[in-house]
Amino acid sequence: LKQLASDVELDREQFDQCLDNGTFRPTVQSAVEEARRYAIQGTPSFLINGRFAPAPPAFLPPFEFFTRLVEEELVAQAEAPVAR
Protein backbone atom coordinates (compact mmCIF):
# COMPACT_ATOMS: atom_id res chain seq x y z
CA LEU A 1 0.00 0.00 0.00
CA LYS A 2 2.79 2.39 0.82
CA GLN A 3 4.35 1.89 -2.59
CA LEU A 4 0.98 2.49 -4.23
CA ALA A 5 0.62 5.69 -2.22
CA SER A 6 3.97 6.84 -3.58
CA ASP A 7 3.05 5.81 -7.11
CA VAL A 8 -0.05 8.00 -7.08
CA GLU A 9 1.87 10.85 -5.41
CA LEU A 10 0.06 10.96 -2.08
CA ASP A 11 1.76 12.73 0.80
CA ARG A 12 3.77 9.70 1.86
CA GLU A 13 4.50 10.92 5.38
CA GLN A 14 0.83 11.59 6.08
CA PHE A 15 -0.22 8.29 4.47
CA ASP A 16 2.33 6.28 6.46
CA GLN A 17 1.23 7.93 9.71
CA CYS A 18 -2.43 7.17 9.00
CA LEU A 19 -1.69 3.58 8.03
CA ASP A 20 0.70 2.92 10.91
CA ASN A 21 -1.47 4.36 13.70
CA GLY A 22 -4.65 2.60 12.53
CA THR A 23 -6.78 5.75 12.44
CA PHE A 24 -9.26 4.24 10.01
CA ARG A 25 -8.94 0.59 11.04
CA PRO A 26 -12.39 0.48 12.77
CA THR A 27 -14.06 2.09 9.76
CA VAL A 28 -12.45 -0.32 7.33
CA GLN A 29 -13.18 -3.31 9.56
CA SER A 30 -16.84 -2.32 9.80
CA ALA A 31 -17.08 -2.04 6.00
CA VAL A 32 -15.43 -5.46 5.57
CA GLU A 33 -17.86 -7.05 8.04
CA GLU A 34 -20.85 -5.51 6.27
CA ALA A 35 -19.56 -6.72 2.91
CA ARG A 36 -19.32 -10.24 4.34
CA ARG A 37 -22.92 -10.09 5.59
CA TYR A 38 -24.09 -9.31 2.06
CA ALA A 39 -21.61 -11.68 0.38
CA ILE A 40 -20.10 -8.77 -1.53
CA GLN A 41 -16.98 -9.87 -3.34
CA GLY A 42 -15.98 -6.83 -5.35
CA THR A 43 -16.37 -3.16 -5.99
CA PRO A 44 -18.30 -1.24 -6.86
CA SER A 45 -21.19 -2.86 -5.01
CA PHE A 46 -24.46 -1.23 -4.07
CA LEU A 47 -27.10 -1.75 -1.39
CA ILE A 48 -30.53 -0.19 -1.62
CA ASN A 49 -32.43 -0.36 1.66
CA GLY A 50 -30.39 -3.38 2.72
CA ARG A 51 -30.89 -5.21 -0.56
CA PHE A 52 -27.89 -6.03 -2.75
CA ALA A 53 -28.17 -4.31 -6.12
CA PRO A 54 -26.20 -5.65 -9.06
CA ALA A 55 -24.12 -3.40 -11.26
CA PRO A 56 -26.14 -1.70 -13.99
CA PRO A 57 -26.24 -3.48 -17.34
CA ALA A 58 -24.15 -1.92 -20.11
CA PHE A 59 -27.22 -0.90 -22.13
CA LEU A 60 -28.82 1.14 -19.32
CA PRO A 61 -27.38 4.39 -17.95
CA PRO A 62 -26.48 3.96 -14.26
CA PHE A 63 -28.68 6.83 -13.08
CA GLU A 64 -31.72 5.34 -14.81
CA PHE A 65 -30.93 1.86 -13.50
CA PHE A 66 -30.62 2.98 -9.88
CA THR A 67 -33.66 5.24 -10.17
CA ARG A 68 -35.68 2.18 -11.18
CA LEU A 69 -34.33 0.13 -8.28
CA VAL A 70 -35.13 2.86 -5.77
CA GLU A 71 -38.63 3.30 -7.21
CA GLU A 72 -39.22 -0.47 -7.00
CA GLU A 73 -38.14 -0.43 -3.37
CA LEU A 74 -40.45 2.49 -2.57
CA VAL A 75 -43.40 0.66 -4.15
CA ALA A 76 -42.57 -2.53 -2.25
CA GLN A 77 -42.45 -0.62 1.04
CA ALA A 78 -45.73 1.15 0.32
CA GLU A 79 -47.40 -2.21 -0.37
CA ALA A 80 -45.92 -3.99 2.65
CA PRO A 81 -48.22 -4.52 5.61
CA VAL A 82 -47.50 -2.36 8.63
CA ALA A 83 -46.04 -4.33 11.55
CA ARG A 84 -47.96 -3.99 14.80
PDB file of N, CA and C in Angstrom:
ATOM      1  N   LEU A   1       0.813  -1.199   0.000  1.00  0.00           N
ATOM      2  CA  LEU A   1       0.000   0.000   0.000  1.00  0.00           C
ATOM      3  C   LEU A   1       0.859   1.267   0.000  1.00  0.00           C
ATOM      4  N   LYS A   2       1.932   1.208   0.753  1.00  0.00           N
ATOM      5  CA  LYS A   2       2.788   2.388   0.824  1.00  0.00           C
ATOM      6  C   LYS A   2       3.410   2.699  -0.533  1.00  0.00           C
ATOM      7  N   GLN A   3       3.791   1.666  -1.260  1.00  0.00           N
ATOM      8  CA  GLN A   3       4.351   1.891  -2.590  1.00  0.00           C
ATOM      9  C   GLN A   3       3.289   2.473  -3.514  1.00  0.00           C
ATOM     10  N   LEU A   4       2.080   1.969  -3.422  1.00  0.00           N
ATOM     11  CA  LEU A   4       0.983   2.490  -4.234  1.00  0.00           C
ATOM     12  C   LEU A   4       0.731   3.959  -3.905  1.00  0.00           C
ATOM     13  N   ALA A   5       0.790   4.300  -2.630  1.00  0.00           N
ATOM     14  CA  ALA A   5       0.619   5.694  -2.222  1.00  0.00           C
ATOM     15  C   ALA A   5       1.684   6.576  -2.869  1.00  0.00           C
ATOM     16  N   SER A   6       2.901   6.086  -2.918  1.00  0.00           N
ATOM     17  CA  SER A   6       3.974   6.839  -3.579  1.00  0.00           C
ATOM     18  C   SER A   6       3.720   6.942  -5.073  1.00  0.00           C
ATOM     19  N   ASP A   7       3.284   5.834  -5.660  1.00  0.00           N
ATOM     20  CA  ASP A   7       3.050   5.807  -7.110  1.00  0.00           C
ATOM     21  C   ASP A   7       2.006   6.826  -7.550  1.00  0.00           C
ATOM     22  N   VAL A   8       1.000   7.045  -6.711  1.00  0.00           N
ATOM     23  CA  VAL A   8      -0.049   8.001  -7.077  1.00  0.00           C
ATOM     24  C   VAL A   8       0.187   9.375  -6.444  1.00  0.00           C
ATOM     25  N   GLU A   9       1.392   9.564  -5.912  1.00  0.00           N
ATOM     26  CA  GLU A   9       1.869  10.850  -5.414  1.00  0.00           C
ATOM     27  C   GLU A   9       1.066  11.400  -4.232  1.00  0.00           C
ATOM     28  N   LEU A  10       0.650  10.493  -3.335  1.00  0.00           N
ATOM     29  CA  LEU A  10       0.055  10.960  -2.084  1.00  0.00           C
ATOM     30  C   LEU A  10       1.163  11.473  -1.179  1.00  0.00           C
ATOM     31  N   ASP A  11       0.799  12.281  -0.205  1.00  0.00           N
ATOM     32  CA  ASP A  11       1.757  12.732   0.795  1.00  0.00           C
ATOM     33  C   ASP A  11       2.166  11.493   1.586  1.00  0.00           C
ATOM     34  N   ARG A  12       3.341  10.983   1.305  1.00  0.00           N
ATOM     35  CA  ARG A  12       3.774   9.698   1.856  1.00  0.00           C
ATOM     36  C   ARG A  12       3.885   9.738   3.376  1.00  0.00           C
ATOM     37  N   GLU A  13       4.373  10.825   3.927  1.00  0.00           N
ATOM     38  CA  GLU A  13       4.505  10.916   5.383  1.00  0.00           C
ATOM     39  C   GLU A  13       3.131  10.848   6.051  1.00  0.00           C
ATOM     40  N   GLN A  14       2.186  11.588   5.518  1.00  0.00           N
ATOM     41  CA  GLN A  14       0.833  11.591   6.079  1.00  0.00           C
ATOM     42  C   GLN A  14       0.166  10.218   5.891  1.00  0.00           C
ATOM     43  N   PHE A  15       0.357   9.613   4.730  1.00  0.00           N
ATOM     44  CA  PHE A  15      -0.220   8.290   4.466  1.00  0.00           C
ATOM     45  C   PHE A  15       0.353   7.255   5.428  1.00  0.00           C
ATOM     46  N   ASP A  16       1.681   7.240   5.564  1.00  0.00           N
ATOM     47  CA  ASP A  16       2.326   6.276   6.460  1.00  0.00           C
ATOM     48  C   ASP A  16       1.826   6.432   7.891  1.00  0.00           C
ATOM     49  N   GLN A  17       1.705   7.673   8.344  1.00  0.00           N
ATOM     50  CA  GLN A  17       1.234   7.926   9.707  1.00  0.00           C
ATOM     51  C   GLN A  17      -0.183   7.379   9.879  1.00  0.00           C
ATOM     52  N   CYS A  18      -1.040   7.649   8.929  1.00  0.00           N
ATOM     53  CA  CYS A  18      -2.426   7.170   8.996  1.00  0.00           C
ATOM     54  C   CYS A  18      -2.473   5.646   9.001  1.00  0.00           C
ATOM     55  N   LEU A  19      -1.704   5.035   8.131  1.00  0.00           N
ATOM     56  CA  LEU A  19      -1.691   3.576   8.035  1.00  0.00           C
ATOM     57  C   LEU A  19      -1.095   2.950   9.293  1.00  0.00           C
ATOM     58  N   ASP A  20       0.000   3.498   9.765  1.00  0.00           N
ATOM     59  CA  ASP A  20       0.702   2.916  10.912  1.00  0.00           C
ATOM     60  C   ASP A  20      -0.053   3.070  12.237  1.00  0.00           C
ATOM     61  N   ASN A  21      -0.783   4.172  12.416  1.00  0.00           N
ATOM     62  CA  ASN A  21      -1.467   4.359  13.700  1.00  0.00           C
ATOM     63  C   ASN A  21      -2.885   3.794  13.700  1.00  0.00           C
ATOM     64  N   GLY A  22      -3.354   3.274  12.577  1.00  0.00           N
ATOM     65  CA  GLY A  22      -4.651   2.603  12.532  1.00  0.00           C
ATOM     66  C   GLY A  22      -5.851   3.520  12.678  1.00  0.00           C
ATOM     67  N   THR A  23      -5.699   4.771  12.308  1.00  0.00           N
ATOM     68  CA  THR A  23      -6.777   5.746  12.445  1.00  0.00           C
ATOM     69  C   THR A  23      -8.096   5.241  11.864  1.00  0.00           C
ATOM     70  N   PHE A  24      -8.035   4.647  10.693  1.00  0.00           N
ATOM     71  CA  PHE A  24      -9.261   4.240  10.012  1.00  0.00           C
ATOM     72  C   PHE A  24      -9.529   2.738  10.097  1.00  0.00           C
ATOM     73  N   ARG A  25      -8.759   2.043  10.915  1.00  0.00           N
ATOM     74  CA  ARG A  25      -8.941   0.588  11.045  1.00  0.00           C
ATOM     75  C   ARG A  25     -10.376   0.212  11.420  1.00  0.00           C
ATOM     76  N   PRO A  26     -11.007   0.851  12.426  1.00  0.00           N
ATOM     77  CA  PRO A  26     -12.387   0.480  12.771  1.00  0.00           C
ATOM     78  C   PRO A  26     -13.372   0.717  11.619  1.00  0.00           C
ATOM     79  N   THR A  27     -13.175   1.796  10.887  1.00  0.00           N
ATOM     80  CA  THR A  27     -14.060   2.094   9.761  1.00  0.00           C
ATOM     81  C   THR A  27     -13.922   1.043   8.678  1.00  0.00           C
ATOM     82  N   VAL A  28     -12.691   0.694   8.356  1.00  0.00           N
ATOM     83  CA  VAL A  28     -12.446  -0.320   7.327  1.00  0.00           C
ATOM     84  C   VAL A  28     -12.967  -1.674   7.791  1.00  0.00           C
ATOM     85  N   GLN A  29     -12.720  -2.024   9.040  1.00  0.00           N
ATOM     86  CA  GLN A  29     -13.184  -3.312   9.563  1.00  0.00           C
ATOM     87  C   GLN A  29     -14.704  -3.408   9.508  1.00  0.00           C
ATOM     88  N   SER A  30     -15.375  -2.340   9.848  1.00  0.00           N
ATOM     89  CA  SER A  30     -16.835  -2.315   9.797  1.00  0.00           C
ATOM     90  C   SER A  30     -17.335  -2.525   8.367  1.00  0.00           C
ATOM     91  N   ALA A  31     -16.689  -1.885   7.411  1.00  0.00           N
ATOM     92  CA  ALA A  31     -17.076  -2.043   6.004  1.00  0.00           C
ATOM     93  C   ALA A  31     -16.841  -3.470   5.527  1.00  0.00           C
ATOM     94  N   VAL A  32     -15.738  -4.071   5.945  1.00  0.00           N
ATOM     95  CA  VAL A  32     -15.433  -5.459   5.569  1.00  0.00           C
ATOM     96  C   VAL A  32     -16.484  -6.402   6.148  1.00  0.00           C
ATOM     97  N   GLU A  33     -16.848  -6.197   7.404  1.00  0.00           N
ATOM     98  CA  GLU A  33     -17.864  -7.052   8.036  1.00  0.00           C
ATOM     99  C   GLU A  33     -19.214  -6.919   7.341  1.00  0.00           C
ATOM    100  N   GLU A  34     -19.581  -5.705   6.977  1.00  0.00           N
ATOM    101  CA  GLU A  34     -20.851  -5.509   6.267  1.00  0.00           C
ATOM    102  C   GLU A  34     -20.809  -6.176   4.897  1.00  0.00           C
ATOM    103  N   ALA A  35     -19.697  -6.059   4.211  1.00  0.00           N
ATOM    104  CA  ALA A  35     -19.558  -6.719   2.907  1.00  0.00           C
ATOM    105  C   ALA A  35     -19.711  -8.227   3.049  1.00  0.00           C
ATOM    106  N   ARG A  36     -19.171  -8.791   4.104  1.00  0.00           N
ATOM    107  CA  ARG A  36     -19.318 -10.239   4.338  1.00  0.00           C
ATOM    108  C   ARG A  36     -20.779 -10.618   4.563  1.00  0.00           C
ATOM    109  N   ARG A  37     -21.504  -9.798   5.321  1.00  0.00           N
ATOM    110  CA  ARG A  37     -22.922 -10.088   5.588  1.00  0.00           C
ATOM    111  C   ARG A  37     -23.732 -10.156   4.298  1.00  0.00           C
ATOM    112  N   TYR A  38     -23.372  -9.348   3.331  1.00  0.00           N
ATOM    113  CA  TYR A  38     -24.094  -9.309   2.060  1.00  0.00           C
ATOM    114  C   TYR A  38     -23.415 -10.135   0.970  1.00  0.00           C
ATOM    115  N   ALA A  39     -22.369 -10.858   1.325  1.00  0.00           N
ATOM    116  CA  ALA A  39     -21.608 -11.685   0.375  1.00  0.00           C
ATOM    117  C   ALA A  39     -21.070 -10.860  -0.793  1.00  0.00           C
ATOM    118  N   ILE A  40     -20.679  -9.641  -0.503  1.00  0.00           N
ATOM    119  CA  ILE A  40     -20.099  -8.771  -1.526  1.00  0.00           C
ATOM    120  C   ILE A  40     -18.657  -9.195  -1.749  1.00  0.00           C
ATOM    121  N   GLN A  41     -18.317  -9.381  -3.008  1.00  0.00           N
ATOM    122  CA  GLN A  41     -16.982  -9.870  -3.335  1.00  0.00           C
ATOM    123  C   GLN A  41     -16.172  -8.900  -4.182  1.00  0.00           C
ATOM    124  N   GLY A  42     -16.725  -7.759  -4.522  1.00  0.00           N
ATOM    125  CA  GLY A  42     -15.982  -6.827  -5.353  1.00  0.00           C
ATOM    126  C   GLY A  42     -16.567  -5.433  -5.278  1.00  0.00           C
ATOM    127  N   THR A  43     -15.899  -4.527  -5.931  1.00  0.00           N
ATOM    128  CA  THR A  43     -16.372  -3.155  -5.992  1.00  0.00           C
ATOM    129  C   THR A  43     -16.469  -2.731  -7.441  1.00  0.00           C
ATOM    130  N   PRO A  44     -17.329  -1.826  -7.780  1.00  0.00           N
ATOM    131  CA  PRO A  44     -18.298  -1.242  -6.857  1.00  0.00           C
ATOM    132  C   PRO A  44     -19.442  -2.208  -6.576  1.00  0.00           C
ATOM    133  N   SER A  45     -20.009  -2.102  -5.406  1.00  0.00           N
ATOM    134  CA  SER A  45     -21.194  -2.860  -5.008  1.00  0.00           C
ATOM    135  C   SER A  45     -22.171  -1.879  -4.378  1.00  0.00           C
ATOM    136  N   PHE A  46     -23.445  -2.171  -4.519  1.00  0.00           N
ATOM    137  CA  PHE A  46     -24.461  -1.231  -4.067  1.00  0.00           C
ATOM    138  C   PHE A  46     -25.526  -1.942  -3.251  1.00  0.00           C
ATOM    139  N   LEU A  47     -25.989  -1.271  -2.209  1.00  0.00           N
ATOM    140  CA  LEU A  47     -27.098  -1.751  -1.392  1.00  0.00           C
ATOM    141  C   LEU A  47     -28.182  -0.684  -1.430  1.00  0.00           C
ATOM    142  N   ILE A  48     -29.407  -1.116  -1.644  1.00  0.00           N
ATOM    143  CA  ILE A  48     -30.531  -0.192  -1.617  1.00  0.00           C
ATOM    144  C   ILE A  48     -31.495  -0.705  -0.562  1.00  0.00           C
ATOM    145  N   ASN A  49     -31.579   0.023   0.538  1.00  0.00           N
ATOM    146  CA  ASN A  49     -32.428  -0.361   1.663  1.00  0.00           C
ATOM    147  C   ASN A  49     -32.107  -1.772   2.146  1.00  0.00           C
ATOM    148  N   GLY A  50     -30.824  -2.080   2.227  1.00  0.00           N
ATOM    149  CA  GLY A  50     -30.390  -3.378   2.720  1.00  0.00           C
ATOM    150  C   GLY A  50     -30.468  -4.507   1.712  1.00  0.00           C
ATOM    151  N   ARG A  51     -30.792  -4.189   0.486  1.00  0.00           N
ATOM    152  CA  ARG A  51     -30.892  -5.206  -0.563  1.00  0.00           C
ATOM    153  C   ARG A  51     -29.729  -5.010  -1.538  1.00  0.00           C
ATOM    154  N   PHE A  52     -29.022  -6.101  -1.823  1.00  0.00           N
ATOM    155  CA  PHE A  52     -27.892  -6.027  -2.750  1.00  0.00           C
ATOM    156  C   PHE A  52     -28.412  -5.687  -4.137  1.00  0.00           C
ATOM    157  N   ALA A  53     -27.799  -4.713  -4.767  1.00  0.00           N
ATOM    158  CA  ALA A  53     -28.170  -4.312  -6.124  1.00  0.00           C
ATOM    159  C   ALA A  53     -27.006  -4.635  -7.051  1.00  0.00           C
ATOM    160  N   PRO A  54     -27.273  -5.341  -8.124  1.00  0.00           N
ATOM    161  CA  PRO A  54     -26.199  -5.654  -9.058  1.00  0.00           C
ATOM    162  C   PRO A  54     -25.725  -4.395  -9.781  1.00  0.00           C
ATOM    163  N   ALA A  55     -24.612  -4.511 -10.451  1.00  0.00           N
ATOM    164  CA  ALA A  55     -24.120  -3.397 -11.263  1.00  0.00           C
ATOM    165  C   ALA A  55     -25.082  -3.182 -12.425  1.00  0.00           C
ATOM    166  N   PRO A  56     -25.224  -1.955 -12.882  1.00  0.00           N
ATOM    167  CA  PRO A  56     -26.139  -1.699 -13.990  1.00  0.00           C
ATOM    168  C   PRO A  56     -25.676  -2.392 -15.269  1.00  0.00           C
ATOM    169  N   PRO A  57     -26.625  -2.867 -16.069  1.00  0.00           N
ATOM    170  CA  PRO A  57     -26.244  -3.480 -17.340  1.00  0.00           C
ATOM    171  C   PRO A  57     -25.668  -2.423 -18.280  1.00  0.00           C
ATOM    172  N   ALA A  58     -24.850  -2.850 -19.205  1.00  0.00           N
ATOM    173  CA  ALA A  58     -24.151  -1.924 -20.105  1.00  0.00           C
ATOM    174  C   ALA A  58     -25.114  -1.082 -20.946  1.00  0.00           C
ATOM    175  N   PHE A  59     -26.294  -1.612 -21.243  1.00  0.00           N
ATOM    176  CA  PHE A  59     -27.222  -0.901 -22.127  1.00  0.00           C
ATOM    177  C   PHE A  59     -28.071   0.148 -21.406  1.00  0.00           C
ATOM    178  N   LEU A  60     -27.979   0.222 -20.085  1.00  0.00           N
ATOM    179  CA  LEU A  60     -28.820   1.135 -19.323  1.00  0.00           C
ATOM    180  C   LEU A  60     -27.945   2.115 -18.547  1.00  0.00           C
ATOM    181  N   PRO A  61     -28.181   3.420 -18.706  1.00  0.00           N
ATOM    182  CA  PRO A  61     -27.383   4.393 -17.951  1.00  0.00           C
ATOM    183  C   PRO A  61     -27.524   4.151 -16.444  1.00  0.00           C
ATOM    184  N   PRO A  62     -26.426   4.244 -15.700  1.00  0.00           N
ATOM    185  CA  PRO A  62     -26.476   3.961 -14.259  1.00  0.00           C
ATOM    186  C   PRO A  62     -27.537   4.753 -13.505  1.00  0.00           C
ATOM    187  N   PHE A  63     -27.682   6.033 -13.809  1.00  0.00           N
ATOM    188  CA  PHE A  63     -28.676   6.831 -13.084  1.00  0.00           C
ATOM    189  C   PHE A  63     -30.073   6.256 -13.287  1.00  0.00           C
ATOM    190  N   GLU A  64     -30.397   5.914 -14.513  1.00  0.00           N
ATOM    191  CA  GLU A  64     -31.716   5.344 -14.812  1.00  0.00           C
ATOM    192  C   GLU A  64     -31.896   3.995 -14.110  1.00  0.00           C
ATOM    193  N   PHE A  65     -30.868   3.180 -14.132  1.00  0.00           N
ATOM    194  CA  PHE A  65     -30.927   1.864 -13.497  1.00  0.00           C
ATOM    195  C   PHE A  65     -31.206   1.989 -12.003  1.00  0.00           C
ATOM    196  N   PHE A  66     -30.445   2.841 -11.324  1.00  0.00           N
ATOM    197  CA  PHE A  66     -30.619   2.981  -9.882  1.00  0.00           C
ATOM    198  C   PHE A  66     -31.924   3.693  -9.534  1.00  0.00           C
ATOM    199  N   THR A  67     -32.362   4.603 -10.380  1.00  0.00           N
ATOM    200  CA  THR A  67     -33.662   5.235 -10.169  1.00  0.00           C
ATOM    201  C   THR A  67     -34.756   4.182 -10.174  1.00  0.00           C
ATOM    202  N   ARG A  68     -34.691   3.261 -11.120  1.00  0.00           N
ATOM    203  CA  ARG A  68     -35.681   2.176 -11.182  1.00  0.00           C
ATOM    204  C   ARG A  68     -35.638   1.313  -9.925  1.00  0.00           C
ATOM    205  N   LEU A  69     -34.445   0.962  -9.484  1.00  0.00           N
ATOM    206  CA  LEU A  69     -34.332   0.131  -8.284  1.00  0.00           C
ATOM    207  C   LEU A  69     -34.904   0.831  -7.053  1.00  0.00           C
ATOM    208  N   VAL A  70     -34.612   2.107  -6.910  1.00  0.00           N
ATOM    209  CA  VAL A  70     -35.127   2.862  -5.765  1.00  0.00           C
ATOM    210  C   VAL A  70     -36.651   2.960  -5.855  1.00  0.00           C
ATOM    211  N   GLU A  71     -37.172   3.223  -7.046  1.00  0.00           N
ATOM    212  CA  GLU A  71     -38.626   3.302  -7.209  1.00  0.00           C
ATOM    213  C   GLU A  71     -39.284   1.963  -6.889  1.00  0.00           C
ATOM    214  N   GLU A  72     -38.685   0.859  -7.324  1.00  0.00           N
ATOM    215  CA  GLU A  72     -39.219  -0.469  -7.003  1.00  0.00           C
ATOM    216  C   GLU A  72     -39.248  -0.685  -5.491  1.00  0.00           C
ATOM    217  N   GLU A  73     -38.208  -0.265  -4.818  1.00  0.00           N
ATOM    218  CA  GLU A  73     -38.140  -0.426  -3.366  1.00  0.00           C
ATOM    219  C   GLU A  73     -39.200   0.423  -2.674  1.00  0.00           C
ATOM    220  N   LEU A  74     -39.426   1.630  -3.158  1.00  0.00           N
ATOM    221  CA  LEU A  74     -40.453   2.490  -2.571  1.00  0.00           C
ATOM    222  C   LEU A  74     -41.842   1.883  -2.740  1.00  0.00           C
ATOM    223  N   VAL A  75     -42.113   1.317  -3.912  1.00  0.00           N
ATOM    224  CA  VAL A  75     -43.401   0.661  -4.154  1.00  0.00           C
ATOM    225  C   VAL A  75     -43.558  -0.540  -3.226  1.00  0.00           C
ATOM    226  N   ALA A  76     -42.510  -1.345  -3.109  1.00  0.00           N
ATOM    227  CA  ALA A  76     -42.567  -2.529  -2.249  1.00  0.00           C
ATOM    228  C   ALA A  76     -42.837  -2.135  -0.800  1.00  0.00           C
ATOM    229  N   GLN A  77     -42.221  -1.065  -0.342  1.00  0.00           N
ATOM    230  CA  GLN A  77     -42.447  -0.617   1.035  1.00  0.00           C
ATOM    231  C   GLN A  77     -43.866  -0.093   1.224  1.00  0.00           C
ATOM    232  N   ALA A  78     -44.375   0.610   0.219  1.00  0.00           N
ATOM    233  CA  ALA A  78     -45.730   1.151   0.318  1.00  0.00           C
ATOM    234  C   ALA A  78     -46.764   0.031   0.360  1.00  0.00           C
ATOM    235  N   GLU A  79     -46.471  -1.080  -0.308  1.00  0.00           N
ATOM    236  CA  GLU A  79     -47.404  -2.205  -0.371  1.00  0.00           C
ATOM    237  C   GLU A  79     -47.257  -3.165   0.804  1.00  0.00           C
ATOM    238  N   ALA A  80     -46.175  -3.066   1.536  1.00  0.00           N
ATOM    239  CA  ALA A  80     -45.920  -3.988   2.650  1.00  0.00           C
ATOM    240  C   ALA A  80     -46.871  -3.695   3.804  1.00  0.00           C
ATOM    241  N   PRO A  81     -47.347  -4.753   4.456  1.00  0.00           N
ATOM    242  CA  PRO A  81     -48.220  -4.524   5.615  1.00  0.00           C
ATOM    243  C   PRO A  81     -47.444  -3.868   6.753  1.00  0.00           C
ATOM    244  N   VAL A  82     -48.121  -3.063   7.507  1.00  0.00           N
ATOM    245  CA  VAL A  82     -47.503  -2.365   8.635  1.00  0.00           C
ATOM    246  C   VAL A  82     -47.419  -3.330   9.813  1.00  0.00           C
ATOM    247  N   ALA A  83     -46.240  -3.459  10.383  1.00  0.00           N
ATOM    248  CA  ALA A  83     -46.038  -4.334  11.546  1.00  0.00           C
ATOM    249  C   ALA A  83     -46.664  -3.694  12.776  1.00  0.00           C
ATOM    250  N   ARG A  84     -47.326  -4.513  13.565  1.00  0.00           N
ATOM    251  CA  ARG A  84     -47.965  -3.987  14.795  1.00  0.00           C
ATOM    252  C   ARG A  84     -47.440  -4.699  15.997  1.00  0.00           C
TER     253      ARG A  84
END
